[in-house]
Protein backbone atom coordinates (compact mmCIF):
# COMPACT_ATOMS: atom_id res chain seq x y z
CA MET A 1 -40.00 1.66 -14.69
CA THR A 2 -37.87 3.93 -16.87
CA PRO A 3 -34.15 3.44 -16.21
CA LYS A 4 -32.25 6.22 -14.47
CA VAL A 5 -28.66 7.40 -14.53
CA LEU A 6 -27.39 8.42 -11.11
CA TRP A 7 -24.30 10.59 -11.62
CA ILE A 8 -22.51 10.74 -8.25
CA THR A 9 -19.84 13.41 -8.26
CA GLY A 10 -17.61 15.17 -5.77
CA LEU A 11 -13.99 15.73 -4.96
CA PRO A 12 -11.65 12.76 -4.38
CA GLY A 13 -12.35 11.30 -0.95
CA SER A 14 -15.93 12.56 -0.74
CA GLY A 15 -17.40 9.04 -0.62
CA LYS A 16 -18.56 8.59 -4.22
CA THR A 17 -17.41 5.02 -4.74
CA THR A 18 -18.53 3.77 -1.33
CA THR A 19 -21.95 5.38 -1.75
CA ALA A 20 -22.33 4.09 -5.31
CA LYS A 21 -21.46 0.52 -4.28
CA LEU A 22 -23.96 0.59 -1.43
CA ILE A 23 -26.73 1.93 -3.70
CA CYS A 24 -25.91 -0.74 -6.28
CA GLU A 25 -25.99 -3.53 -3.68
CA GLN A 26 -29.32 -2.35 -2.28
CA LEU A 27 -30.94 -2.03 -5.71
CA LYS A 28 -29.74 -5.49 -6.74
CA HIS A 29 -31.02 -6.86 -3.44
CA ASN A 30 -34.40 -5.31 -4.33
CA GLY A 31 -34.35 -7.06 -7.72
CA LYS A 32 -33.50 -4.04 -9.87
CA GLN A 33 -31.17 -4.16 -12.83
CA VAL A 34 -28.29 -1.78 -12.21
CA ILE A 35 -24.81 -1.31 -13.56
CA LEU A 36 -22.08 0.50 -11.63
CA LEU A 37 -19.50 2.53 -13.53
CA ASP A 38 -16.73 3.73 -11.22
CA GLY A 39 -14.30 6.35 -12.52
CA ASP A 40 -11.16 4.64 -11.22
CA GLU A 41 -12.24 1.27 -12.62
CA MET A 42 -13.20 2.80 -15.97
CA ARG A 43 -9.73 4.37 -16.25
CA ARG A 44 -8.30 0.85 -15.96
CA VAL A 45 -10.81 -0.60 -18.44
CA PHE A 46 -10.09 2.14 -20.98
CA GLY A 47 -6.34 1.66 -20.40
CA VAL A 48 -5.71 5.21 -19.22
CA ALA A 49 -2.85 5.17 -16.74
CA GLY A 50 -2.12 8.89 -16.87
CA GLY A 51 -4.45 11.40 -18.36
CA TYR A 52 -4.96 13.85 -15.54
CA SER A 53 -4.82 17.12 -17.43
CA ILE A 54 -8.04 19.09 -17.70
CA GLU A 55 -8.50 18.15 -21.36
CA GLU A 56 -7.79 14.45 -20.74
CA ARG A 57 -10.19 14.46 -17.78
CA LYS A 58 -12.91 16.01 -19.94
CA GLN A 59 -12.37 13.42 -22.69
CA LEU A 60 -12.74 10.61 -20.16
CA SER A 61 -15.82 12.25 -18.65
CA TYR A 62 -17.47 12.37 -22.07
CA GLN A 63 -16.67 8.68 -22.54
CA TYR A 64 -18.29 7.91 -19.17
CA SER A 65 -21.35 9.98 -20.14
CA ARG A 66 -21.77 8.27 -23.51
CA LEU A 67 -21.34 4.83 -21.99
CA ALA A 68 -23.89 5.56 -19.25
CA LYS A 69 -26.34 6.86 -21.88
CA MET A 70 -25.89 3.78 -24.06
CA ILE A 71 -26.49 1.39 -21.15
CA SER A 72 -29.49 3.36 -19.90
CA ASP A 73 -30.97 3.46 -23.40
CA GLN A 74 -30.84 -0.35 -23.32
CA GLY A 75 -33.07 -0.42 -20.24
CA HIS A 76 -30.65 -0.55 -17.31
CA ASN A 77 -30.28 1.74 -14.32
CA VAL A 78 -26.74 3.12 -14.23
CA ILE A 79 -24.76 4.50 -11.32
CA VAL A 80 -21.70 6.53 -12.24
CA SER A 81 -19.23 7.56 -9.54
CA THR A 82 -16.69 10.00 -10.88
CA VAL A 83 -15.04 13.31 -10.08
CA SER A 84 -15.90 14.82 -13.50
CA LEU A 85 -16.42 18.28 -12.01
CA PHE A 86 -16.96 20.19 -15.26
CA HIS A 87 -20.04 22.23 -16.03
CA GLU A 88 -19.93 21.25 -19.69
CA ILE A 89 -20.14 17.56 -18.74
CA HIS A 90 -23.08 18.16 -16.41
CA ASP A 91 -24.80 20.23 -19.13
CA TRP A 92 -24.20 17.52 -21.76
CA ASN A 93 -25.61 14.88 -19.42
CA ARG A 94 -28.77 16.90 -18.75
CA LYS A 95 -29.35 17.47 -22.47
CA ASN A 96 -28.57 13.94 -23.66
CA ILE A 97 -29.34 11.41 -20.92
CA ASN A 98 -32.96 10.58 -20.12
CA ASN A 99 -33.75 10.43 -16.40
CA TYR A 100 -30.37 11.87 -15.43
CA ILE A 101 -30.02 12.53 -11.71
CA GLU A 102 -27.01 14.53 -10.58
CA ILE A 103 -25.87 13.82 -7.03
CA TYR A 104 -23.19 16.00 -5.48
CA LEU A 105 -21.35 14.81 -2.38
CA ASP A 106 -20.19 18.09 -0.92
CA VAL A 107 -17.25 17.84 1.47
CA ASP A 108 -15.16 20.79 2.60
CA MET A 109 -11.45 20.74 1.83
CA GLU A 110 -10.44 20.63 5.51
CA THR A 111 -12.32 17.34 5.95
CA LEU A 112 -10.89 15.92 2.72
CA LYS A 113 -7.36 16.78 3.83
CA LYS A 114 -7.99 15.01 7.15
CA ARG A 115 -9.25 11.91 5.33
CA ASP A 116 -6.37 12.23 2.81
CA GLN A 117 -7.39 9.17 0.83
CA GLY A 118 -4.25 7.65 -0.68
CA GLN A 119 -2.26 10.67 0.55
CA LEU A 120 -3.58 12.54 -2.47
CA TYR A 121 -4.02 15.91 -0.81
CA SER A 122 -0.83 15.86 1.26
CA SER A 123 1.16 14.89 -1.85
CA ALA A 124 -0.41 17.74 -3.82
CA GLN A 125 0.30 20.23 -1.06
CA ASN A 126 3.94 19.27 -0.69
CA GLY A 127 4.46 19.45 -4.46
CA THR A 128 5.10 15.76 -5.20
CA LEU A 129 1.80 15.43 -7.08
CA ASP A 130 0.17 17.84 -9.47
CA LYS A 131 -3.13 17.93 -11.37
CA VAL A 132 -5.24 17.22 -8.27
CA VAL A 133 -8.81 18.48 -8.52
CA GLY A 134 -9.54 20.86 -5.69
CA ILE A 135 -5.87 21.73 -5.12
CA ASN A 136 -4.19 22.69 -8.40
CA ILE A 137 -7.11 22.03 -10.77
CA ALA A 138 -10.21 24.07 -10.07
CA ALA A 139 -13.35 22.05 -9.41
CA GLU A 140 -16.50 23.20 -11.19
CA THR A 141 -19.00 22.04 -8.61
CA PRO A 142 -22.49 21.30 -9.90
CA GLN A 143 -24.58 24.45 -10.26
CA ASN A 144 -27.96 22.81 -9.73
CA PRO A 145 -27.54 19.21 -8.60
CA ASP A 146 -30.73 17.23 -8.13
CA ILE A 147 -29.38 16.05 -4.79
CA ARG A 148 -26.69 17.72 -2.70
CA ILE A 149 -25.45 15.90 0.36
CA THR A 150 -22.98 17.45 2.76
CA ASN A 151 -20.77 14.54 3.72
CA ASP A 152 -18.43 16.13 6.25
CA THR A 153 -18.94 14.27 9.50
CA GLN A 154 -22.21 12.88 10.78
CA LEU A 155 -23.55 10.78 7.91
CA ASP A 156 -22.33 7.28 7.21
CA ALA A 157 -22.31 5.88 3.68
CA THR A 158 -25.24 3.55 4.35
CA SER A 159 -27.44 6.48 5.44
CA ILE A 160 -26.40 8.48 2.39
CA ALA A 161 -27.19 5.57 0.08
CA LYS A 162 -30.63 5.11 1.64
CA MET A 163 -31.38 8.84 1.30
CA ILE A 164 -30.45 8.77 -2.38
CA ILE A 165 -32.52 5.65 -3.12
CA LYS A 166 -35.54 7.21 -1.44
CA SER A 167 -35.07 10.60 -3.14
CA CYS A 168 -34.77 8.96 -6.56
CA ASN A 169 -37.75 6.63 -6.06
CA LEU A 170 -35.68 3.57 -6.84
C-alpha cells in the first residue's frame, strides 16, 4: 500500500492531537507503519520556544511539511497534527506530497472558548497573551479539505478517529 500523509488541522483545542494519537494507536494495532508528528512536540524537537508570529508559524509549517514528505517518501504513513492554518501551506502540501489527505477539525469559537485548553483563549481575550490563531491571528481554514469533521459536541475522539481511518482506507 502506498503511504499516506494525514494532515490534521484546526484551531487550538479542536482535538487534533487526541485524534491523531488515537489514529496512530489503531493503525499500529493493525500492523501498519505510522509516524506521528505533533506540532507542539515538533516545536520542542526543533528548539522553538517562541516563534508565534505569522512568519515564524509559516516557517515551522513548511518544516513540518518537508519532514512529513521525507518520511512518506521513505515508505511510512505519517500523521501530522498541527494548527498550520495557512492556504499556502495546504497548497504546497497538495502539490508536493503524494497521497496527501487534509483533515479539518472544525469547531466553532464559542465551543473552543468553553473548552479553553490551557486557558489560551481567555488569556488572549483579556490581553495577557497575543498571537493566538483564531483570536488575534486570522485562521485560513482549509478551502477544500478532503475530510471536514465538525467537532463541537456529540462526537468523541475515538469515533472521529474511526471515521477518518475508514474514510482514508487505512
